[in-house]
Amino acid sequence: MDEAAMDTHIPRDLEKVLGVKAQIRSKAQAFTQAFLKRNTEPQPQKDAKGLLSHKAVILEYSRSNKKILHKKKPKGLNAQQKREIKIFHIKSEHQRYELFLPLHDLWKQYIIDLCNGLKPTSSPHSVQQKLLKADFHGAIITVIPKRNSVFQLEINGFISFIYGNKFEQRASERSAKKFKISGSIDL
């Protein structure tokens, strides 16, 4: 850097814009000299042989002695505990058909939204694919008993048949699975 450039003053109009005040010349020089001396002073050369003779050189990686604390996740109830507190026992007054009709209405709206309105012009193939991947909690399903069960469901006049082997997976697994729709199925 040019010494003349370091020795110039900030113009007065720039002092106001930057919000700084020019220092007295002697203070500025003293600060600059101290700063340069502190940051540019050469480090004394150390003898590599002397450095190696006084310090141990570790050639392998060593682990720190800090213990890693793992937070234990709270465990849920096991099957026996669930049976003891009757967590899945539903009282008979809570098993009435009328109580589940609002859930069915929600399910119908979910299917209509899923199938883009279930219009008469909708492709049956695309509707069937979407139904295979849907969740059926809240659906009213008619079971046609045969060797391989057939499930029938009706949504706003649209009747669909789903064969039992398609229900072998949970809803979450069915949503990710690709199903092949075959033209005819032997029953």
C-alpha atoms as a PDB file:
ATOM      1  CA  MET A   1       0.000   0.000   0.000  1.00  0.00           C
ATOM      2  CA  ASP A   2       1.227   3.456  -0.771  1.00  0.00           C
ATOM      3  CA  GLU A   3       2.377   5.449   2.310  1.00  0.00           C
ATOM      4  CA  ALA A   4       0.884   8.623   0.891  1.00  0.00           C
ATOM      5  CA  ALA A   5      -2.531   6.935   0.628  1.00  0.00           C
ATOM      6  CA  MET A   6      -2.397   5.993   4.297  1.00  0.00           C
ATOM      7  CA  ASP A   7      -1.560   9.556   5.273  1.00  0.00           C
ATOM      8  CA  THR A   8      -4.551  11.233   3.578  1.00  0.00           C
ATOM      9  CA  HIS A   9      -7.457  12.782   5.438  1.00  0.00           C
ATOM     10  CA  ILE A  10     -11.145  11.893   5.009  1.00  0.00           C
ATOM     11  CA  PRO A  11     -13.005  14.778   3.318  1.00  0.00           C
ATOM     12  CA  ARG A  12     -15.355  16.681   5.667  1.00  0.00           C
ATOM     13  CA  ASP A  13     -18.504  15.947   3.639  1.00  0.00           C
ATOM     14  CA  LEU A  14     -17.685  12.211   3.755  1.00  0.00           C
ATOM     15  CA  GLU A  15     -17.190  12.385   7.547  1.00  0.00           C
ATOM     16  CA  LYS A  16     -20.839  13.407   7.913  1.00  0.00           C
ATOM     17  CA  VAL A  17     -22.108  10.702   5.525  1.00  0.00           C
ATOM     18  CA  LEU A  18     -20.060   7.907   7.172  1.00  0.00           C
ATOM     19  CA  GLY A  19     -20.652   9.147  10.700  1.00  0.00           C
ATOM     20  CA  VAL A  20     -16.928   9.163  11.580  1.00  0.00           C
ATOM     21  CA  LYS A  21     -14.666  11.850  12.974  1.00  0.00           C
ATOM     22  CA  ALA A  22     -11.118  12.419  11.759  1.00  0.00           C
ATOM     23  CA  GLN A  23      -8.480  11.807  14.418  1.00  0.00           C
ATOM     24  CA  ILE A  24      -5.546  14.006  15.302  1.00  0.00           C
ATOM     25  CA  ARG A  25      -2.605  13.209  13.053  1.00  0.00           C
ATOM     26  CA  SER A  26      -0.327  11.971  15.841  1.00  0.00           C
ATOM     27  CA  LYS A  27      -3.011   9.631  17.296  1.00  0.00           C
ATOM     28  CA  ALA A  28      -3.783   8.185  13.875  1.00  0.00           C
ATOM     29  CA  GLN A  29      -0.088   7.558  13.196  1.00  0.00           C
ATOM     30  CA  ALA A  30       0.429   5.920  16.600  1.00  0.00           C
ATOM     31  CA  PHE A  31      -2.591   3.634  16.043  1.00  0.00           C
ATOM     32  CA  THR A  32      -1.446   2.678  12.542  1.00  0.00           C
ATOM     33  CA  GLN A  33       2.109   1.923  13.690  1.00  0.00           C
ATOM     34  CA  ALA A  34       0.881  -0.242  16.611  1.00  0.00           C
ATOM     35  CA  PHE A  35      -1.556  -2.092  14.377  1.00  0.00           C
ATOM     36  CA  LEU A  36       1.070  -2.835  11.718  1.00  0.00           C
ATOM     37  CA  LYS A  37       3.643  -3.912  14.301  1.00  0.00           C
ATOM     38  CA  ARG A  38       1.179  -6.248  15.995  1.00  0.00           C
ATOM     39  CA  ASN A  39      -0.029  -7.867  12.785  1.00  0.00           C
ATOM     40  CA  THR A  40       3.083  -7.934  10.628  1.00  0.00           C
ATOM     41  CA  GLU A  41       5.810  -8.754  13.130  1.00  0.00           C
ATOM     42  CA  PRO A  42       7.618 -11.878  11.953  1.00  0.00           C
ATOM     43  CA  GLN A  43       7.431 -14.913  14.213  1.00  0.00           C
ATOM     44  CA  PRO A  44      10.795 -16.143  15.492  1.00  0.00           C
ATOM     45  CA  GLN A  45      11.978 -19.162  13.547  1.00  0.00           C
ATOM     46  CA  LYS A  46      11.769 -22.259  15.672  1.00  0.00           C
ATOM     47  CA  ASP A  47      14.201 -25.077  15.315  1.00  0.00           C
ATOM     48  CA  ALA A  48      12.263 -28.099  13.992  1.00  0.00           C
ATOM     49  CA  LYS A  49      14.654 -30.537  15.697  1.00  0.00           C
ATOM     50  CA  GLY A  50      14.288 -28.795  19.041  1.00  0.00           C
ATOM     51  CA  LEU A  51      10.510 -28.646  18.643  1.00  0.00           C
ATOM     52  CA  LEU A  52      10.298 -32.391  17.992  1.00  0.00           C
ATOM     53  CA  SER A  53      12.584 -33.283  20.910  1.00  0.00           C
ATOM     54  CA  HIS A  54      10.407 -31.505  23.480  1.00  0.00           C
ATOM     55  CA  LYS A  55       6.934 -32.559  22.335  1.00  0.00           C
ATOM     56  CA  ALA A  56       5.352 -35.914  21.735  1.00  0.00           C
ATOM     57  CA  VAL A  57       4.103 -36.402  18.203  1.00  0.00           C
ATOM     58  CA  ILE A  58       0.906 -38.447  18.006  1.00  0.00           C
ATOM     59  CA  LEU A  59       0.681 -40.363  14.776  1.00  0.00           C
ATOM     60  CA  GLU A  60      -2.645 -42.119  15.373  1.00  0.00           C
ATOM     61  CA  TYR A  61      -6.086 -40.738  15.990  1.00  0.00           C
ATOM     62  CA  SER A  62      -7.188 -40.808  19.596  1.00  0.00           C
ATOM     63  CA  ARG A  63     -10.759 -40.422  20.770  1.00  0.00           C
ATOM     64  CA  SER A  64     -11.706 -37.859  23.318  1.00  0.00           C
ATOM     65  CA  ASN A  65     -12.743 -39.189  26.686  1.00  0.00           C
ATOM     66  CA  LYS A  66     -16.121 -37.473  26.550  1.00  0.00           C
ATOM     67  CA  LYS A  67     -19.003 -39.841  27.018  1.00  0.00           C
ATOM     68  CA  ILE A  68     -21.804 -39.449  24.538  1.00  0.00           C
ATOM     69  CA  LEU A  69     -25.116 -39.283  26.326  1.00  0.00           C
ATOM     70  CA  HIS A  70     -28.025 -40.778  24.451  1.00  0.00           C
ATOM     71  CA  LYS A  71     -31.448 -39.665  25.493  1.00  0.00           C
ATOM     72  CA  LYS A  72     -33.661 -42.630  26.171  1.00  0.00           C
ATOM     73  CA  LYS A  73     -36.928 -42.477  24.334  1.00  0.00           C
ATOM     74  CA  PRO A  74     -39.957 -43.177  26.460  1.00  0.00           C
ATOM     75  CA  LYS A  75     -41.250 -46.639  25.716  1.00  0.00           C
ATOM     76  CA  GLY A  76     -44.901 -47.205  24.984  1.00  0.00           C
ATOM     77  CA  LEU A  77     -47.067 -49.836  26.543  1.00  0.00           C
ATOM     78  CA  ASN A  78     -46.525 -53.470  25.640  1.00  0.00           C
ATOM     79  CA  ALA A  79     -49.429 -55.739  24.581  1.00  0.00           C
ATOM     80  CA  GLN A  80     -50.012 -57.136  28.081  1.00  0.00           C
ATOM     81  CA  GLN A  81     -50.214 -53.655  29.611  1.00  0.00           C
ATOM     82  CA  LYS A  82     -52.643 -52.566  26.886  1.00  0.00           C
ATOM     83  CA  ARG A  83     -54.867 -55.568  27.645  1.00  0.00           C
ATOM     84  CA  GLU A  84     -54.730 -54.879  31.402  1.00  0.00           C
ATOM     85  CA  ILE A  85     -55.872 -51.283  31.087  1.00  0.00           C
ATOM     86  CA  LYS A  86     -58.329 -52.248  28.289  1.00  0.00           C
ATOM     87  CA  ILE A  87     -57.064 -49.572  25.956  1.00  0.00           C
ATOM     88  CA  PHE A  88     -58.835 -51.066  22.915  1.00  0.00           C
ATOM     89  CA  HIS A  89     -62.032 -52.008  24.747  1.00  0.00           C
ATOM     90  CA  ILE A  90     -64.901 -49.886  23.427  1.00  0.00           C
ATOM     91  CA  LYS A  91     -67.963 -49.682  25.626  1.00  0.00           C
ATOM     92  CA  SER A  92     -71.196 -50.904  24.048  1.00  0.00           C
ATOM     93  CA  GLU A  93     -72.855 -47.481  24.293  1.00  0.00           C
ATOM     94  CA  HIS A  94     -70.029 -46.128  22.104  1.00  0.00           C
ATOM     95  CA  GLN A  95     -70.516 -48.817  19.422  1.00  0.00           C
ATOM     96  CA  ARG A  96     -73.701 -47.442  17.882  1.00  0.00           C
ATOM     97  CA  TYR A  97     -73.996 -47.116  14.105  1.00  0.00           C
ATOM     98  CA  GLU A  98     -75.187 -43.498  14.283  1.00  0.00           C
ATOM     99  CA  LEU A  99     -71.945 -42.424  15.977  1.00  0.00           C
ATOM    100  CA  PHE A 100     -69.896 -43.514  12.951  1.00  0.00           C
ATOM    101  CA  LEU A 101     -71.998 -41.842  10.240  1.00  0.00           C
ATOM    102  CA  PRO A 102     -70.160 -38.472  10.521  1.00  0.00           C
ATOM    103  CA  LEU A 103     -66.897 -40.372   9.969  1.00  0.00           C
ATOM    104  CA  HIS A 104     -68.437 -41.947   6.847  1.00  0.00           C
ATOM    105  CA  ASP A 105     -69.446 -38.505   5.560  1.00  0.00           C
ATOM    106  CA  LEU A 106     -65.859 -37.313   6.056  1.00  0.00           C
ATOM    107  CA  TRP A 107     -64.587 -40.408   4.238  1.00  0.00           C
ATOM    108  CA  LYS A 108     -66.931 -39.802   1.275  1.00  0.00           C
ATOM    109  CA  GLN A 109     -65.665 -36.234   0.980  1.00  0.00           C
ATOM    110  CA  TYR A 110     -62.063 -37.530   1.146  1.00  0.00           C
ATOM    111  CA  ILE A 111     -62.722 -40.008  -1.714  1.00  0.00           C
ATOM    112  CA  ILE A 112     -64.495 -37.381  -3.823  1.00  0.00           C
ATOM    113  CA  ASP A 113     -61.540 -35.010  -3.363  1.00  0.00           C
ATOM    114  CA  LEU A 114     -59.066 -37.826  -4.046  1.00  0.00           C
ATOM    115  CA  CYS A 115     -60.791 -38.827  -7.295  1.00  0.00           C
ATOM    116  CA  ASN A 116     -61.230 -35.217  -8.496  1.00  0.00           C
ATOM    117  CA  GLY A 117     -64.998 -35.128  -8.044  1.00  0.00           C
ATOM    118  CA  LEU A 118     -65.970 -38.635  -9.241  1.00  0.00           C
ATOM    119  CA  LYS A 119     -67.581 -37.290 -12.409  1.00  0.00           C
ATOM    120  CA  PRO A 120     -69.302 -39.645 -14.867  1.00  0.00           C
ATOM    121  CA  THR A 121     -66.597 -38.720 -17.375  1.00  0.00           C
ATOM    122  CA  SER A 122     -63.838 -39.922 -14.991  1.00  0.00           C
ATOM    123  CA  SER A 123     -61.748 -42.827 -16.204  1.00  0.00           C
ATOM    124  CA  PRO A 124     -62.673 -45.995 -14.275  1.00  0.00           C
ATOM    125  CA  HIS A 125     -59.052 -47.163 -14.402  1.00  0.00           C
ATOM    126  CA  SER A 126     -57.715 -44.010 -12.726  1.00  0.00           C
ATOM    127  CA  VAL A 127     -60.514 -44.035 -10.123  1.00  0.00           C
ATOM    128  CA  GLN A 128     -59.810 -47.706  -9.336  1.00  0.00           C
ATOM    129  CA  GLN A 129     -56.075 -47.011  -8.943  1.00  0.00           C
ATOM    130  CA  LYS A 130     -56.801 -44.153  -6.549  1.00  0.00           C
ATOM    131  CA  LEU A 131     -59.270 -46.269  -4.565  1.00  0.00           C
ATOM    132  CA  LEU A 132     -56.723 -49.073  -4.190  1.00  0.00           C
ATOM    133  CA  LYS A 133     -54.307 -46.653  -2.543  1.00  0.00           C
ATOM    134  CA  ALA A 134     -56.922 -44.880  -0.398  1.00  0.00           C
ATOM    135  CA  ASP A 135     -57.547 -45.203   3.317  1.00  0.00           C
ATOM    136  CA  PHE A 136     -60.827 -46.972   4.138  1.00  0.00           C
ATOM    137  CA  HIS A 137     -61.355 -45.850   7.747  1.00  0.00           C
ATOM    138  CA  GLY A 138     -64.925 -44.591   7.662  1.00  0.00           C
ATOM    139  CA  ALA A 139     -66.005 -46.488   4.537  1.00  0.00           C
ATOM    140  CA  ILE A 140     -69.144 -48.616   4.521  1.00  0.00           C
ATOM    141  CA  ILE A 141     -68.066 -51.770   2.761  1.00  0.00           C
ATOM    142  CA  THR A 142     -70.224 -54.697   1.657  1.00  0.00           C
ATOM    143  CA  VAL A 143     -68.368 -58.008   1.751  1.00  0.00           C
ATOM    144  CA  ILE A 144     -69.272 -60.601  -0.859  1.00  0.00           C
ATOM    145  CA  PRO A 145     -68.114 -63.865   0.736  1.00  0.00           C
ATOM    146  CA  LYS A 146     -66.202 -66.115  -1.616  1.00  0.00           C
ATOM    147  CA  ARG A 147     -62.933 -67.991  -1.512  1.00  0.00           C
ATOM    148  CA  ASN A 148     -61.076 -64.701  -2.104  1.00  0.00           C
ATOM    149  CA  SER A 149     -63.329 -62.041  -0.588  1.00  0.00           C
ATOM    150  CA  VAL A 150     -64.689 -59.284  -2.756  1.00  0.00           C
ATOM    151  CA  PHE A 151     -65.401 -55.894  -1.204  1.00  0.00           C
ATOM    152  CA  GLN A 152     -67.993 -53.579  -2.681  1.00  0.00           C
ATOM    153  CA  LEU A 153     -68.238 -49.891  -1.935  1.00  0.00           C
ATOM    154  CA  GLU A 154     -70.518 -47.237  -3.270  1.00  0.00           C
ATOM    155  CA  ILE A 155     -69.856 -43.510  -3.429  1.00  0.00           C
ATOM    156  CA  ASN A 156     -72.547 -41.254  -4.913  1.00  0.00           C
ATOM    157  CA  GLY A 157     -73.811 -43.984  -7.247  1.00  0.00           C
ATOM    158  CA  PHE A 158     -70.307 -45.103  -8.284  1.00  0.00           C
ATOM    159  CA  ILE A 159     -69.919 -48.799  -7.333  1.00  0.00           C
ATOM    160  CA  SER A 160     -66.472 -50.317  -7.106  1.00  0.00           C
ATOM    161  CA  PHE A 161     -65.335 -53.871  -6.401  1.00  0.00           C
ATOM    162  CA  ILE A 162     -61.996 -54.491  -4.706  1.00  0.00           C
ATOM    163  CA  TYR A 163     -60.617 -57.997  -4.456  1.00  0.00           C
ATOM    164  CA  GLY A 164     -59.352 -59.175  -1.062  1.00  0.00           C
ATOM    165  CA  ASN A 165     -55.745 -59.770  -2.050  1.00  0.00           C
ATOM    166  CA  LYS A 166     -55.394 -56.005  -2.582  1.00  0.00           C
ATOM    167  CA  PHE A 167     -56.109 -55.465   1.135  1.00  0.00           C
ATOM    168  CA  GLU A 168     -53.218 -57.631   2.316  1.00  0.00           C
ATOM    169  CA  GLN A 169     -51.141 -54.517   3.031  1.00  0.00           C
ATOM    170  CA  ARG A 170     -51.852 -51.677   5.438  1.00  0.00           C
ATOM    171  CA  ALA A 171     -53.204 -48.426   4.043  1.00  0.00           C
ATOM    172  CA  SER A 172     -49.812 -46.726   4.435  1.00  0.00           C
ATOM    173  CA  GLU A 173     -48.104 -49.538   2.497  1.00  0.00           C
ATOM    174  CA  ARG A 174     -50.832 -49.634  -0.183  1.00  0.00           C
ATOM    175  CA  SER A 175     -50.416 -45.918  -0.868  1.00  0.00           C
ATOM    176  CA  ALA A 176     -46.816 -46.469  -2.031  1.00  0.00           C
ATOM    177  CA  LYS A 177     -47.427 -49.741  -3.905  1.00  0.00           C
ATOM    178  CA  LYS A 178     -48.096 -49.997  -7.625  1.00  0.00           C
ATOM    179  CA  PHE A 179     -50.927 -52.370  -8.477  1.00  0.00           C
ATOM    180  CA  LYS A 180     -51.405 -54.160 -11.758  1.00  0.00           C
ATOM    181  CA  ILE A 181     -55.008 -54.186 -12.826  1.00  0.00           C
ATOM    182  CA  SER A 182     -55.792 -57.333 -14.739  1.00  0.00           C
ATOM    183  CA  GLY A 183     -58.793 -57.738 -17.007  1.00  0.00           C
ATOM    184  CA  SER A 184     -60.294 -60.773 -15.313  1.00  0.00           C
ATOM    185  CA  ILE A 185     -59.717 -62.435 -11.971  1.00  0.00           C
ATOM    186  CA  ASP A 186     -60.610 -66.057 -11.251  1.00  0.00           C
ATOM    187  CA  LEU A 187     -62.746 -66.451  -8.162  1.00  0.00           C
END
